[in-house]
Amino acid sequence: MRSRYAAYVLKRTSYLLATWDRSPRPACLAWDEMPDQWLGLQILAAPAALADVGEVEFVARYRKNGRAGRLHERSRFVRRAGRWYYLDGSFLSA
């Protein structure tokens, strides 16, 4: 999770797509729709993974068009061949 957050901060498209599960992976990322600046990441919960599926709940703070915002999400990950991949996420109230 932290490595994907850092990849968003650094706009590392190749890393984000490589760590996204193949089934829901987008063809590209729309950087113009994303925050102008990421300000911090707080992991709220990361329960122990059950077999090859795990979840992480987090809040990421950002700035877009001069306004501060928060992204509160519960992300699901799946492990394939020993590596974790982002599967999907549910937005929670910020």
PDB file of N, CA and C in Angstrom:
ATOM      1  N   MET A   1       0.821  -1.183   0.000  1.00  0.00           N
ATOM      2  CA  MET A   1       0.000   0.000   0.000  1.00  0.00           C
ATOM      3  C   MET A   1       0.865   1.246   0.000  1.00  0.00           C
ATOM      4  N   ARG A   2       1.853   1.276   0.861  1.00  0.00           N
ATOM      5  CA  ARG A   2       2.716   2.455   0.918  1.00  0.00           C
ATOM      6  C   ARG A   2       3.476   2.656  -0.391  1.00  0.00           C
ATOM      7  N   SER A   3       3.895   1.571  -1.004  1.00  0.00           N
ATOM      8  CA  SER A   3       4.635   1.712  -2.267  1.00  0.00           C
ATOM      9  C   SER A   3       3.727   2.247  -3.368  1.00  0.00           C
ATOM     10  N   ARG A   4       2.454   1.872  -3.366  1.00  0.00           N
ATOM     11  CA  ARG A   4       1.522   2.402  -4.365  1.00  0.00           C
ATOM     12  C   ARG A   4       1.241   3.880  -4.105  1.00  0.00           C
ATOM     13  N   TYR A   5       1.124   4.266  -2.833  1.00  0.00           N
ATOM     14  CA  TYR A   5       0.939   5.683  -2.509  1.00  0.00           C
ATOM     15  C   TYR A   5       2.135   6.488  -3.028  1.00  0.00           C
ATOM     16  N   ALA A   6       3.350   6.001  -2.748  1.00  0.00           N
ATOM     17  CA  ALA A   6       4.551   6.693  -3.223  1.00  0.00           C
ATOM     18  C   ALA A   6       4.557   6.788  -4.753  1.00  0.00           C
ATOM     19  N   ALA A   7       4.083   5.754  -5.416  1.00  0.00           N
ATOM     20  CA  ALA A   7       4.027   5.773  -6.882  1.00  0.00           C
ATOM     21  C   ALA A   7       3.032   6.829  -7.372  1.00  0.00           C
ATOM     22  N   TYR A   8       1.927   7.027  -6.660  1.00  0.00           N
ATOM     23  CA  TYR A   8       0.999   8.107  -7.024  1.00  0.00           C
ATOM     24  C   TYR A   8       1.666   9.463  -6.827  1.00  0.00           C
ATOM     25  N   VAL A   9       2.373   9.637  -5.709  1.00  0.00           N
ATOM     26  CA  VAL A   9       3.066  10.900  -5.438  1.00  0.00           C
ATOM     27  C   VAL A   9       4.060  11.210  -6.551  1.00  0.00           C
ATOM     28  N   LEU A  10       4.800  10.190  -6.986  1.00  0.00           N
ATOM     29  CA  LEU A  10       5.848  10.360  -8.001  1.00  0.00           C
ATOM     30  C   LEU A  10       5.353  10.173  -9.434  1.00  0.00           C
ATOM     31  N   LYS A  11       4.055   9.879  -9.576  1.00  0.00           N
ATOM     32  CA  LYS A  11       3.436   9.645 -10.884  1.00  0.00           C
ATOM     33  C   LYS A  11       4.155   8.542 -11.664  1.00  0.00           C
ATOM     34  N   ARG A  12       4.371   7.426 -11.000  1.00  0.00           N
ATOM     35  CA  ARG A  12       5.029   6.258 -11.595  1.00  0.00           C
ATOM     36  C   ARG A  12       3.969   5.320 -12.174  1.00  0.00           C
ATOM     37  N   THR A  13       3.491   5.648 -13.343  1.00  0.00           N
ATOM     38  CA  THR A  13       2.426   4.894 -13.987  1.00  0.00           C
ATOM     39  C   THR A  13       2.788   3.425 -14.152  1.00  0.00           C
ATOM     40  N   SER A  14       3.992   3.151 -14.602  1.00  0.00           N
ATOM     41  CA  SER A  14       4.371   1.757 -14.868  1.00  0.00           C
ATOM     42  C   SER A  14       4.307   0.915 -13.598  1.00  0.00           C
ATOM     43  N   TYR A  15       4.731   1.461 -12.463  1.00  0.00           N
ATOM     44  CA  TYR A  15       4.675   0.706 -11.211  1.00  0.00           C
ATOM     45  C   TYR A  15       3.227   0.473 -10.786  1.00  0.00           C
ATOM     46  N   LEU A  16       2.399   1.504 -10.886  1.00  0.00           N
ATOM     47  CA  LEU A  16       0.997   1.362 -10.490  1.00  0.00           C
ATOM     48  C   LEU A  16       0.293   0.301 -11.325  1.00  0.00           C
ATOM     49  N   LEU A  17       0.497   0.327 -12.628  1.00  0.00           N
ATOM     50  CA  LEU A  17      -0.150  -0.666 -13.485  1.00  0.00           C
ATOM     51  C   LEU A  17       0.414  -2.064 -13.242  1.00  0.00           C
ATOM     52  N   ALA A  18       1.708  -2.152 -12.949  1.00  0.00           N
ATOM     53  CA  ALA A  18       2.330  -3.462 -12.704  1.00  0.00           C
ATOM     54  C   ALA A  18       1.870  -4.078 -11.388  1.00  0.00           C
ATOM     55  N   THR A  19       1.411  -3.246 -10.432  1.00  0.00           N
ATOM     56  CA  THR A  19       0.967  -3.768  -9.139  1.00  0.00           C
ATOM     57  C   THR A  19      -0.556  -3.795  -9.036  1.00  0.00           C
ATOM     58  N   TRP A  20      -1.234  -3.639 -10.145  1.00  0.00           N
ATOM     59  CA  TRP A  20      -2.697  -3.699 -10.209  1.00  0.00           C
ATOM     60  C   TRP A  20      -3.072  -5.080 -10.720  1.00  0.00           C
ATOM     61  N   ASP A  21      -4.031  -5.730 -10.083  1.00  0.00           N
ATOM     62  CA  ASP A  21      -4.462  -7.044 -10.546  1.00  0.00           C
ATOM     63  C   ASP A  21      -4.910  -6.954 -11.996  1.00  0.00           C
ATOM     64  N   ARG A  22      -4.662  -7.979 -12.741  1.00  0.00           N
ATOM     65  CA  ARG A  22      -4.918  -7.945 -14.190  1.00  0.00           C
ATOM     66  C   ARG A  22      -6.387  -7.781 -14.566  1.00  0.00           C
ATOM     67  N   SER A  23      -7.306  -8.282 -13.741  1.00  0.00           N
ATOM     68  CA  SER A  23      -8.711  -8.239 -14.159  1.00  0.00           C
ATOM     69  C   SER A  23      -9.315  -6.836 -14.141  1.00  0.00           C
ATOM     70  N   PRO A  24      -9.106  -6.001 -13.090  1.00  0.00           N
ATOM     71  CA  PRO A  24      -9.715  -4.678 -13.131  1.00  0.00           C
ATOM     72  C   PRO A  24      -8.765  -3.577 -13.587  1.00  0.00           C
ATOM     73  N   ARG A  25      -7.556  -3.906 -14.009  1.00  0.00           N
ATOM     74  CA  ARG A  25      -6.540  -2.902 -14.317  1.00  0.00           C
ATOM     75  C   ARG A  25      -6.964  -2.001 -15.474  1.00  0.00           C
ATOM     76  N   PRO A  26      -6.864  -0.686 -15.284  1.00  0.00           N
ATOM     77  CA  PRO A  26      -7.204   0.230 -16.380  1.00  0.00           C
ATOM     78  C   PRO A  26      -6.113   0.223 -17.443  1.00  0.00           C
ATOM     79  N   ALA A  27      -6.440   0.664 -18.621  1.00  0.00           N
ATOM     80  CA  ALA A  27      -5.456   0.734 -19.705  1.00  0.00           C
ATOM     81  C   ALA A  27      -4.452   1.854 -19.456  1.00  0.00           C
ATOM     82  N   CYS A  28      -4.910   2.928 -18.809  1.00  0.00           N
ATOM     83  CA  CYS A  28      -4.031   4.055 -18.503  1.00  0.00           C
ATOM     84  C   CYS A  28      -4.587   4.784 -17.287  1.00  0.00           C
ATOM     85  N   LEU A  29      -3.816   5.733 -16.777  1.00  0.00           N
ATOM     86  CA  LEU A  29      -4.249   6.524 -15.627  1.00  0.00           C
ATOM     87  C   LEU A  29      -4.473   7.967 -16.071  1.00  0.00           C
ATOM     88  N   ALA A  30      -5.541   8.570 -15.602  1.00  0.00           N
ATOM     89  CA  ALA A  30      -5.886   9.947 -15.968  1.00  0.00           C
ATOM     90  C   ALA A  30      -5.285  10.897 -14.932  1.00  0.00           C
ATOM     91  N   TRP A  31      -4.020  11.242 -15.098  1.00  0.00           N
ATOM     92  CA  TRP A  31      -3.322  12.085 -14.130  1.00  0.00           C
ATOM     93  C   TRP A  31      -3.973  13.455 -13.995  1.00  0.00           C
ATOM     94  N   ASP A  32      -4.588  13.971 -15.048  1.00  0.00           N
ATOM     95  CA  ASP A  32      -5.206  15.295 -14.974  1.00  0.00           C
ATOM     96  C   ASP A  32      -6.422  15.320 -14.049  1.00  0.00           C
ATOM     97  N   GLU A  33      -6.995  14.161 -13.740  1.00  0.00           N
ATOM     98  CA  GLU A  33      -8.144  14.085 -12.841  1.00  0.00           C
ATOM     99  C   GLU A  33      -7.723  13.851 -11.388  1.00  0.00           C
ATOM    100  N   MET A  34      -6.452  13.618 -11.158  1.00  0.00           N
ATOM    101  CA  MET A  34      -5.960  13.309  -9.818  1.00  0.00           C
ATOM    102  C   MET A  34      -5.514  14.571  -9.100  1.00  0.00           C
ATOM    103  N   PRO A  35      -5.305  14.451  -7.780  1.00  0.00           N
ATOM    104  CA  PRO A  35      -4.851  15.616  -7.005  1.00  0.00           C
ATOM    105  C   PRO A  35      -3.567  16.212  -7.564  1.00  0.00           C
ATOM    106  N   ASP A  36      -3.433  17.519  -7.337  1.00  0.00           N
ATOM    107  CA  ASP A  36      -2.212  18.216  -7.742  1.00  0.00           C
ATOM    108  C   ASP A  36      -1.038  17.814  -6.854  1.00  0.00           C
ATOM    109  N   GLN A  37      -1.344  17.553  -5.577  1.00  0.00           N
ATOM    110  CA  GLN A  37      -0.295  17.232  -4.614  1.00  0.00           C
ATOM    111  C   GLN A  37      -0.852  16.285  -3.556  1.00  0.00           C
ATOM    112  N   TRP A  38      -0.099  15.221  -3.279  1.00  0.00           N
ATOM    113  CA  TRP A  38      -0.447  14.309  -2.189  1.00  0.00           C
ATOM    114  C   TRP A  38       0.291  14.784  -0.954  1.00  0.00           C
ATOM    115  N   LEU A  39      -0.403  14.838   0.194  1.00  0.00           N
ATOM    116  CA  LEU A  39       0.155  15.440   1.403  1.00  0.00           C
ATOM    117  C   LEU A  39       0.475  14.449   2.513  1.00  0.00           C
ATOM    118  N   GLY A  40      -0.066  13.255   2.460  1.00  0.00           N
ATOM    119  CA  GLY A  40       0.232  12.289   3.511  1.00  0.00           C
ATOM    120  C   GLY A  40      -0.664  11.070   3.452  1.00  0.00           C
ATOM    121  N   LEU A  41      -0.179  10.004   4.039  1.00  0.00           N
ATOM    122  CA  LEU A  41      -0.898   8.732   4.073  1.00  0.00           C
ATOM    123  C   LEU A  41      -0.964   8.253   5.514  1.00  0.00           C
ATOM    124  N   GLN A  42      -2.159   7.854   5.942  1.00  0.00           N
ATOM    125  CA  GLN A  42      -2.334   7.263   7.264  1.00  0.00           C
ATOM    126  C   GLN A  42      -3.030   5.919   7.100  1.00  0.00           C
ATOM    127  N   ILE A  43      -2.361   4.857   7.522  1.00  0.00           N
ATOM    128  CA  ILE A  43      -2.954   3.521   7.495  1.00  0.00           C
ATOM    129  C   ILE A  43      -3.804   3.387   8.753  1.00  0.00           C
ATOM    130  N   LEU A  44      -5.096   3.134   8.576  1.00  0.00           N
ATOM    131  CA  LEU A  44      -6.008   3.006   9.715  1.00  0.00           C
ATOM    132  C   LEU A  44      -6.152   1.566  10.182  1.00  0.00           C
ATOM    133  N   ALA A  45      -6.134   0.640   9.238  1.00  0.00           N
ATOM    134  CA  ALA A  45      -6.268  -0.776   9.582  1.00  0.00           C
ATOM    135  C   ALA A  45      -5.660  -1.623   8.476  1.00  0.00           C
ATOM    136  N   ALA A  46      -4.973  -2.647   8.891  1.00  0.00           N
ATOM    137  CA  ALA A  46      -4.404  -3.612   7.948  1.00  0.00           C
ATOM    138  C   ALA A  46      -4.439  -4.975   8.621  1.00  0.00           C
ATOM    139  N   PRO A  47      -5.646  -5.554   8.697  1.00  0.00           N
ATOM    140  CA  PRO A  47      -5.766  -6.863   9.352  1.00  0.00           C
ATOM    141  C   PRO A  47      -4.891  -7.902   8.656  1.00  0.00           C
ATOM    142  N   ALA A  48      -4.491  -8.902   9.401  1.00  0.00           N
ATOM    143  CA  ALA A  48      -3.685  -9.980   8.827  1.00  0.00           C
ATOM    144  C   ALA A  48      -4.406 -10.584   7.626  1.00  0.00           C
ATOM    145  N   ALA A  49      -3.662 -10.826   6.584  1.00  0.00           N
ATOM    146  CA  ALA A  49      -4.227 -11.391   5.353  1.00  0.00           C
ATOM    147  C   ALA A  49      -4.754 -12.796   5.608  1.00  0.00           C
ATOM    148  N   LEU A  50      -5.861 -13.102   4.980  1.00  0.00           N
ATOM    149  CA  LEU A  50      -6.412 -14.449   5.024  1.00  0.00           C
ATOM    150  C   LEU A  50      -6.025 -15.135   3.718  1.00  0.00           C
ATOM    151  N   ALA A  51      -5.146 -16.110   3.819  1.00  0.00           N
ATOM    152  CA  ALA A  51      -4.634 -16.818   2.631  1.00  0.00           C
ATOM    153  C   ALA A  51      -3.996 -15.802   1.698  1.00  0.00           C
ATOM    154  N   ASP A  52      -4.552 -15.635   0.516  1.00  0.00           N
ATOM    155  CA  ASP A  52      -3.952 -14.748  -0.477  1.00  0.00           C
ATOM    156  C   ASP A  52      -4.801 -13.516  -0.757  1.00  0.00           C
ATOM    157  N   VAL A  53      -5.590 -13.091   0.234  1.00  0.00           N
ATOM    158  CA  VAL A  53      -6.412 -11.888   0.099  1.00  0.00           C
ATOM    159  C   VAL A  53      -6.201 -11.023   1.331  1.00  0.00           C
ATOM    160  N   GLY A  54      -6.015  -9.715   1.118  1.00  0.00           N
ATOM    161  CA  GLY A  54      -5.816  -8.806   2.235  1.00  0.00           C
ATOM    162  C   GLY A  54      -6.520  -7.488   1.999  1.00  0.00           C
ATOM    163  N   GLU A  55      -6.702  -6.726   3.076  1.00  0.00           N
ATOM    164  CA  GLU A  55      -7.339  -5.415   3.004  1.00  0.00           C
ATOM    165  C   GLU A  55      -6.503  -4.390   3.757  1.00  0.00           C
ATOM    166  N   VAL A  56      -6.575  -3.149   3.297  1.00  0.00           N
ATOM    167  CA  VAL A  56      -5.940  -2.035   3.979  1.00  0.00           C
ATOM    168  C   VAL A  56      -6.917  -0.871   3.955  1.00  0.00           C
ATOM    169  N   GLU A  57      -7.190  -0.306   5.131  1.00  0.00           N
ATOM    170  CA  GLU A  57      -8.014   0.900   5.200  1.00  0.00           C
ATOM    171  C   GLU A  57      -7.074   2.070   5.453  1.00  0.00           C
ATOM    172  N   PHE A  58      -7.237   3.127   4.677  1.00  0.00           N
ATOM    173  CA  PHE A  58      -6.319   4.259   4.782  1.00  0.00           C
ATOM    174  C   PHE A  58      -7.033   5.577   4.503  1.00  0.00           C
ATOM    175  N   VAL A  59      -6.366   6.654   4.897  1.00  0.00           N
ATOM    176  CA  VAL A  59      -6.765   8.010   4.526  1.00  0.00           C
ATOM    177  C   VAL A  59      -5.548   8.655   3.888  1.00  0.00           C
ATOM    178  N   ALA A  60      -5.729   9.178   2.688  1.00  0.00           N
ATOM    179  CA  ALA A  60      -4.672   9.917   1.996  1.00  0.00           C
ATOM    180  C   ALA A  60      -5.134  11.368   1.879  1.00  0.00           C
ATOM    181  N   ARG A  61      -4.299  12.272   2.347  1.00  0.00           N
ATOM    182  CA  ARG A  61      -4.619  13.695   2.255  1.00  0.00           C
ATOM    183  C   ARG A  61      -4.011  14.256   0.972  1.00  0.00           C
ATOM    184  N   TYR A  62      -4.723  15.210   0.363  1.00  0.00           N
ATOM    185  CA  TYR A  62      -4.248  15.771  -0.901  1.00  0.00           C
ATOM    186  C   TYR A  62      -4.708  17.213  -1.061  1.00  0.00           C
ATOM    187  N   ARG A  63      -4.173  17.860  -2.094  1.00  0.00           N
ATOM    188  CA  ARG A  63      -4.585  19.193  -2.488  1.00  0.00           C
ATOM    189  C   ARG A  63      -4.883  19.162  -3.977  1.00  0.00           C
ATOM    190  N   LYS A  64      -6.033  19.727  -4.351  1.00  0.00           N
ATOM    191  CA  LYS A  64      -6.409  19.823  -5.760  1.00  0.00           C
ATOM    192  C   LYS A  64      -7.038  21.194  -5.985  1.00  0.00           C
ATOM    193  N   ASN A  65      -6.504  21.901  -6.964  1.00  0.00           N
ATOM    194  CA  ASN A  65      -6.993  23.250  -7.272  1.00  0.00           C
ATOM    195  C   ASN A  65      -6.995  24.148  -6.033  1.00  0.00           C
ATOM    196  N   GLY A  66      -5.961  24.009  -5.203  1.00  0.00           N
ATOM    197  CA  GLY A  66      -5.818  24.844  -4.018  1.00  0.00           C
ATOM    198  C   GLY A  66      -6.665  24.442  -2.826  1.00  0.00           C
ATOM    199  N   ARG A  67      -7.440  23.374  -2.964  1.00  0.00           N
ATOM    200  CA  ARG A  67      -8.318  22.934  -1.867  1.00  0.00           C
ATOM    201  C   ARG A  67      -7.832  21.606  -1.307  1.00  0.00           C
ATOM    202  N   ALA A  68      -7.857  21.507   0.015  1.00  0.00           N
ATOM    203  CA  ALA A  68      -7.446  20.274   0.686  1.00  0.00           C
ATOM    204  C   ALA A  68      -8.574  19.257   0.628  1.00  0.00           C
ATOM    205  N   GLY A  69      -8.201  18.000   0.570  1.00  0.00           N
ATOM    206  CA  GLY A  69      -9.178  16.924   0.558  1.00  0.00           C
ATOM    207  C   GLY A  69      -8.610  15.675   1.203  1.00  0.00           C
ATOM    208  N   ARG A  70      -9.486  14.697   1.404  1.00  0.00           N
ATOM    209  CA  ARG A  70      -9.095  13.417   1.988  1.00  0.00           C
ATOM    210  C   ARG A  70      -9.742  12.293   1.204  1.00  0.00           C
ATOM    211  N   LEU A  71      -8.966  11.262   0.956  1.00  0.00           N
ATOM    212  CA  LEU A  71      -9.466  10.053   0.309  1.00  0.00           C
ATOM    213  C   LEU A  71      -9.443   8.952   1.369  1.00  0.00           C
ATOM    214  N   HIS A  72     -10.605   8.454   1.738  1.00  0.00           N
ATOM    215  CA  HIS A  72     -10.716   7.387   2.741  1.00  0.00           C
ATOM    216  C   HIS A  72     -11.194   6.151   1.993  1.00  0.00           C
ATOM    217  N   GLU A  73     -10.362   5.131   1.979  1.00  0.00           N
ATOM    218  CA  GLU A  73     -10.660   3.944   1.177  1.00  0.00           C
ATOM    219  C   GLU A  73     -10.291   2.677   1.923  1.00  0.00           C
ATOM    220  N   ARG A  74     -11.016   1.617   1.614  1.00  0.00           N
ATOM    221  CA  ARG A  74     -10.640   0.263   2.032  1.00  0.00           C
ATOM    222  C   ARG A  74     -10.258  -0.468   0.750  1.00  0.00           C
ATOM    223  N   SER A  75      -8.985  -0.782   0.621  1.00  0.00           N
ATOM    224  CA  SER A  75      -8.469  -1.437  -0.578  1.00  0.00           C
ATOM    225  C   SER A  75      -8.328  -2.930  -0.359  1.00  0.00           C
ATOM    226  N   ARG A  76      -8.613  -3.680  -1.395  1.00  0.00           N
ATOM    227  CA  ARG A  76      -8.421  -5.138  -1.348  1.00  0.00           C
ATOM    228  C   ARG A  76      -7.239  -5.496  -2.237  1.00  0.00           C
ATOM    229  N   PHE A  77      -6.443  -6.438  -1.749  1.00  0.00           N
ATOM    230  CA  PHE A  77      -5.268  -6.912  -2.470  1.00  0.00           C
ATOM    231  C   PHE A  77      -5.332  -8.425  -2.587  1.00  0.00           C
ATOM    232  N   VAL A  78      -4.710  -8.937  -3.626  1.00  0.00           N
ATOM    233  CA  VAL A  78      -4.638 -10.378  -3.836  1.00  0.00           C
ATOM    234  C   VAL A  78      -3.170 -10.751  -4.073  1.00  0.00           C
ATOM    235  N   ARG A  79      -2.757 -11.897  -3.519  1.00  0.00           N
ATOM    236  CA  ARG A  79      -1.372 -12.348  -3.700  1.00  0.00           C
ATOM    237  C   ARG A  79      -1.337 -13.407  -4.785  1.00  0.00           C
ATOM    238  N   ARG A  80      -0.483 -13.172  -5.752  1.00  0.00           N
ATOM    239  CA  ARG A  80      -0.271 -14.131  -6.852  1.00  0.00           C
ATOM    240  C   ARG A  80       1.237 -14.368  -6.980  1.00  0.00           C
ATOM    241  N   ALA A  81       1.616 -15.615  -6.945  1.00  0.00           N
ATOM    242  CA  ALA A  81       3.032 -15.996  -7.079  1.00  0.00           C
ATOM    243  C   ALA A  81       3.919 -15.202  -6.114  1.00  0.00           C
ATOM    244  N   GLY A  82       3.412 -15.010  -4.880  1.00  0.00           N
ATOM    245  CA  GLY A  82       4.204 -14.351  -3.855  1.00  0.00           C
ATOM    246  C   GLY A  82       4.206 -12.834  -3.884  1.00  0.00           C
ATOM    247  N   ARG A  83       3.512 -12.226  -4.833  1.00  0.00           N
ATOM    248  CA  ARG A  83       3.467 -10.756  -4.931  1.00  0.00           C
ATOM    249  C   ARG A  83       2.047 -10.266  -4.711  1.00  0.00           C
ATOM    250  N   TRP A  84       1.919  -9.096  -4.065  1.00  0.00           N
ATOM    251  CA  TRP A  84       0.616  -8.506  -3.805  1.00  0.00           C
ATOM    252  C   TRP A  84       0.214  -7.556  -4.927  1.00  0.00           C
ATOM    253  N   TYR A  85      -1.062  -7.635  -5.323  1.00  0.00           N
ATOM    254  CA  TYR A  85      -1.613  -6.783  -6.384  1.00  0.00           C
ATOM    255  C   TYR A  85      -2.893  -6.114  -5.889  1.00  0.00           C
ATOM    256  N   TYR A  86      -3.063  -4.853  -6.249  1.00  0.00           N
ATOM    257  CA  TYR A  86      -4.275  -4.113  -5.916  1.00  0.00           C
ATOM    258  C   TYR A  86      -5.431  -4.699  -6.717  1.00  0.00           C
ATOM    259  N   LEU A  87      -6.511  -5.034  -6.025  1.00  0.00           N
ATOM    260  CA  LEU A  87      -7.675  -5.605  -6.675  1.00  0.00           C
ATOM    261  C   LEU A  87      -8.751  -4.541  -6.903  1.00  0.00           C
ATOM    262  N   ASP A  88      -9.203  -3.935  -5.822  1.00  0.00           N
ATOM    263  CA  ASP A  88     -10.197  -2.865  -5.923  1.00  0.00           C
ATOM    264  C   ASP A  88     -10.308  -2.175  -4.583  1.00  0.00           C
ATOM    265  N   GLY A  89     -11.145  -1.149  -4.531  1.00  0.00           N
ATOM    266  CA  GLY A  89     -11.307  -0.414  -3.281  1.00  0.00           C
ATOM    267  C   GLY A  89     -12.719   0.120  -3.130  1.00  0.00           C
ATOM    268  N   SER A  90     -13.096   0.361  -1.884  1.00  0.00           N
ATOM    269  CA  SER A  90     -14.388   0.963  -1.562  1.00  0.00           C
ATOM    270  C   SER A  90     -14.120   2.286  -0.882  1.00  0.00           C
ATOM    271  N   PHE A  91     -14.746   3.360  -1.394  1.00  0.00           N
ATOM    272  CA  PHE A  91     -14.596   4.662  -0.777  1.00  0.00           C
ATOM    273  C   PHE A  91     -15.454   4.729   0.473  1.00  0.00           C
ATOM    274  N   LEU A  92     -14.887   5.263   1.535  1.00  0.00           N
ATOM    275  CA  LEU A  92     -15.578   5.419   2.794  1.00  0.00           C
ATOM    276  C   LEU A  92     -15.709   6.917   3.075  1.00  0.00           C
ATOM    277  N   SER A  93     -16.567   7.294   3.993  1.00  0.00           N
ATOM    278  CA  SER A  93     -16.734   8.716   4.280  1.00  0.00           C
ATOM    279  C   SER A  93     -15.432   9.285   4.830  1.00  0.00           C
ATOM    280  N   ALA A  94     -15.099  10.480   4.373  1.00  0.00           N
ATOM    281  CA  ALA A  94     -13.819  11.081   4.780  1.00  0.00           C
ATOM    282  C   ALA A  94     -13.940  11.941   5.970  1.00  0.00           C
TER     283      ALA A  94
END
